Protein backbone atom coordinates (compact mmCIF):
# COMPACT_ATOMS: atom_id res chain seq x y z
CA MET A 1 27.93 38.72 -3.86
CA LYS A 2 24.52 39.33 -2.34
CA ALA A 3 21.93 40.65 -4.75
CA SER A 4 21.22 43.57 -2.39
CA ARG A 5 24.78 44.80 -2.91
CA LEU A 6 24.32 44.93 -6.70
CA ALA A 7 21.78 47.68 -7.22
CA ILE A 8 21.01 48.84 -10.71
CA MET A 9 19.24 52.16 -10.38
CA GLY A 10 18.70 52.95 -14.06
CA SER A 11 20.24 52.38 -17.44
CA MET A 12 22.50 54.69 -19.40
CA THR A 13 19.77 55.40 -21.93
CA THR A 14 17.00 56.31 -19.47
CA TYR A 15 18.66 59.24 -17.65
CA SER A 16 16.63 62.41 -17.98
CA ALA A 17 16.68 64.96 -15.16
CA VAL A 18 19.98 64.91 -13.32
CA HIS A 19 19.54 63.77 -9.74
CA PRO A 20 22.62 62.83 -7.76
CA ARG A 21 22.82 59.06 -7.57
CA TRP A 22 25.13 56.12 -7.64
CA GLU A 23 24.76 52.66 -9.07
CA HIS A 24 26.61 49.47 -9.84
CA PHE A 25 26.85 47.70 -13.16
CA GLU A 26 28.01 44.17 -13.80
CA HIS A 27 31.31 43.51 -15.49
CA GLY A 28 32.57 39.94 -15.50
CA ALA A 29 33.99 39.00 -12.11
CA ASP A 30 34.38 42.67 -11.13
CA ILE A 31 31.89 45.45 -10.40
CA GLY A 32 31.27 48.73 -12.17
CA VAL A 33 30.71 51.85 -10.08
CA ARG A 34 28.90 54.83 -11.52
CA GLY A 35 28.14 58.27 -10.15
CA VAL A 36 25.80 60.83 -11.66
CA GLY A 37 25.58 64.44 -10.50
CA GLU A 38 24.70 67.96 -11.50
CA THR A 39 28.41 68.79 -11.45
CA LYS A 40 31.52 66.79 -12.21
CA ALA A 41 32.52 67.00 -8.52
CA GLU A 42 29.13 65.64 -7.48
CA ALA A 43 29.49 62.74 -9.94
CA PHE A 44 32.89 61.96 -8.35
CA GLU A 45 31.23 62.00 -4.90
CA GLN A 46 28.50 59.64 -6.08
CA ALA A 47 31.06 57.28 -7.65
CA ALA A 48 32.79 57.18 -4.24
CA LEU A 49 29.48 56.23 -2.61
CA ALA A 50 29.10 53.45 -5.17
CA LEU A 51 32.60 52.27 -4.19
CA THR A 52 31.58 52.09 -0.51
CA ALA A 53 28.37 50.30 -1.49
CA VAL A 54 30.41 47.51 -3.07
CA ILE A 55 31.67 46.78 0.44
CA THR A 56 28.73 47.66 2.69
CA ASP A 57 25.56 49.74 2.93
CA PRO A 58 26.79 53.36 3.07
CA GLN A 59 23.86 54.27 5.34
CA CYS A 60 25.40 52.03 8.03
CA VAL A 61 28.63 54.04 8.06
CA ALA A 62 28.70 57.01 10.45
CA ALA A 63 30.44 60.15 9.18
CA VAL A 64 32.41 60.82 12.38
CA GLU A 65 36.01 61.16 11.15
CA THR A 66 37.34 63.23 8.25
CA VAL A 67 40.24 62.28 6.02
CA SER A 68 41.65 64.78 3.52
CA ILE A 69 42.61 63.45 0.12
CA ARG A 70 44.42 65.19 -2.71
CA CYS A 71 45.28 63.84 -6.11
CA GLU A 72 45.95 64.98 -9.62
CA ALA A 73 46.08 63.39 -13.04
CA PRO A 74 46.45 64.51 -16.66
CA ASP A 75 42.72 64.17 -17.46
CA ASP A 76 39.30 63.63 -15.87
CA GLU A 77 39.19 59.86 -16.40
CA LEU A 78 42.58 59.26 -14.82
CA LEU A 79 41.63 61.66 -12.02
CA LEU A 80 38.54 59.53 -11.25
CA ALA A 81 40.69 56.41 -11.07
CA ALA A 82 43.23 58.20 -8.86
CA TRP A 83 40.43 59.44 -6.56
CA LEU A 84 38.88 56.01 -6.13
CA ASN A 85 42.30 54.37 -5.66
CA ALA A 86 43.16 56.98 -3.01
CA LEU A 87 39.94 56.02 -1.20
CA VAL A 88 40.79 52.31 -1.44
CA TYR A 89 44.22 53.08 0.01
CA GLU A 90 42.79 55.16 2.88
CA MET A 91 40.21 52.46 3.67
CA ALA A 92 42.95 49.84 3.83
CA VAL A 93 45.58 51.68 5.88
CA ARG A 94 43.13 53.36 8.25
CA ARG A 95 40.76 50.37 8.40
CA MET A 96 37.87 52.72 7.68
CA LEU A 97 34.76 52.96 5.56
CA PHE A 98 33.45 56.23 4.16
CA SER A 99 29.88 57.43 3.68
CA GLY A 100 30.23 61.13 2.92
CA PHE A 101 32.38 62.99 0.44
CA HIS A 102 33.09 66.63 -0.37
CA VAL A 103 35.02 66.95 -3.63
CA ARG A 104 36.47 70.14 -5.06
CA LEU A 105 37.89 69.99 -8.57
CA GLN A 106 40.22 72.57 -10.03
CA GLY A 107 41.29 71.52 -13.50
CA THR A 108 43.10 68.21 -13.06
CA HIS A 109 43.51 68.63 -9.28
CA LEU A 110 41.15 67.11 -6.72
CA ASP A 111 40.89 68.16 -3.07
CA ALA A 112 38.41 66.19 -1.02
CA GLN A 113 37.26 65.21 2.41
CA ALA A 114 36.03 61.68 3.01
CA LEU A 115 33.87 61.22 6.10
CA GLY A 116 33.51 57.87 7.78
CA GLU A 117 34.45 55.61 10.64
CA ARG A 118 36.61 52.64 11.53
CA THR A 119 35.32 49.35 10.16
CA VAL A 120 33.37 47.24 12.64
CA VAL A 121 32.90 43.83 11.00
CA GLN A 122 29.93 42.87 13.19
CA ARG A 123 28.06 46.06 12.24
CA HIS A 124 29.23 46.78 8.69
CA HIS A 125 29.28 43.18 7.40
CA PRO A 126 31.81 43.90 4.63
CA ALA A 127 30.89 41.85 1.55
CA VAL A 128 34.17 42.07 -0.39
CA GLU A 129 37.48 43.87 -0.40
CA VAL A 130 37.98 46.31 -3.25
CA LYS A 131 41.52 46.01 -4.58
CA GLY A 132 41.41 49.09 -6.77
CA ALA A 133 39.85 51.06 -9.58
CA THR A 134 40.73 49.92 -13.08
CA TYR A 135 40.74 51.70 -16.45
CA THR A 136 38.00 49.38 -17.72
CA ALA A 137 34.85 51.29 -18.75
CA LEU A 138 36.54 54.42 -17.36
CA ARG A 139 34.51 57.45 -18.35
CA VAL A 140 33.87 61.00 -17.15
CA ALA A 141 31.53 62.88 -19.44
CA PRO A 142 28.65 65.34 -19.62
CA LEU A 143 25.25 63.64 -19.39
CA ASP A 144 21.89 65.34 -19.99
CA GLY A 145 22.90 68.60 -18.33
CA GLY A 146 24.88 66.85 -15.60
CA TRP A 147 27.91 64.57 -15.31
CA LEU A 148 28.68 60.86 -15.36
CA ALA A 149 31.73 59.32 -13.66
CA GLN A 150 32.25 55.56 -13.90
CA THR A 151 34.78 52.76 -13.90
CA VAL A 152 35.17 49.10 -12.93
CA VAL A 153 36.68 48.16 -9.58
CA ASP A 154 38.66 44.98 -9.00
CA VAL A 155 37.22 42.87 -6.16
């Protein structure tokens, strides 16, 4: 994987003010995706951006088509995995990449819109194919007045 695709934007111990952001963290042969936000929904959105960034630069993906996604799970961690796996599924069957996300959480239910476009290999230069979100390092938790959402994705 190219070094530019593996961006570490801070460490767990240096978070102070909560600014929405995503980052990757190394985990063996796979890649960790992490989202941080002021709200839990925003952290889920940022984790989704980190998922896209495993594949390509999200800034190269135009938000021209909207796909609605709904999922539910018994707890926040499993809901994060379900959300990311739903995105992996939609990317595969629709042959799309996503660069914008609007997540609404109501208890253990997630309603979201993913905005993106069809994959154009010559423009998006996909680095890897994400097979799915795992339960490894799966965590959704409050963090310094905001929220953290992270897991490892299988590539």
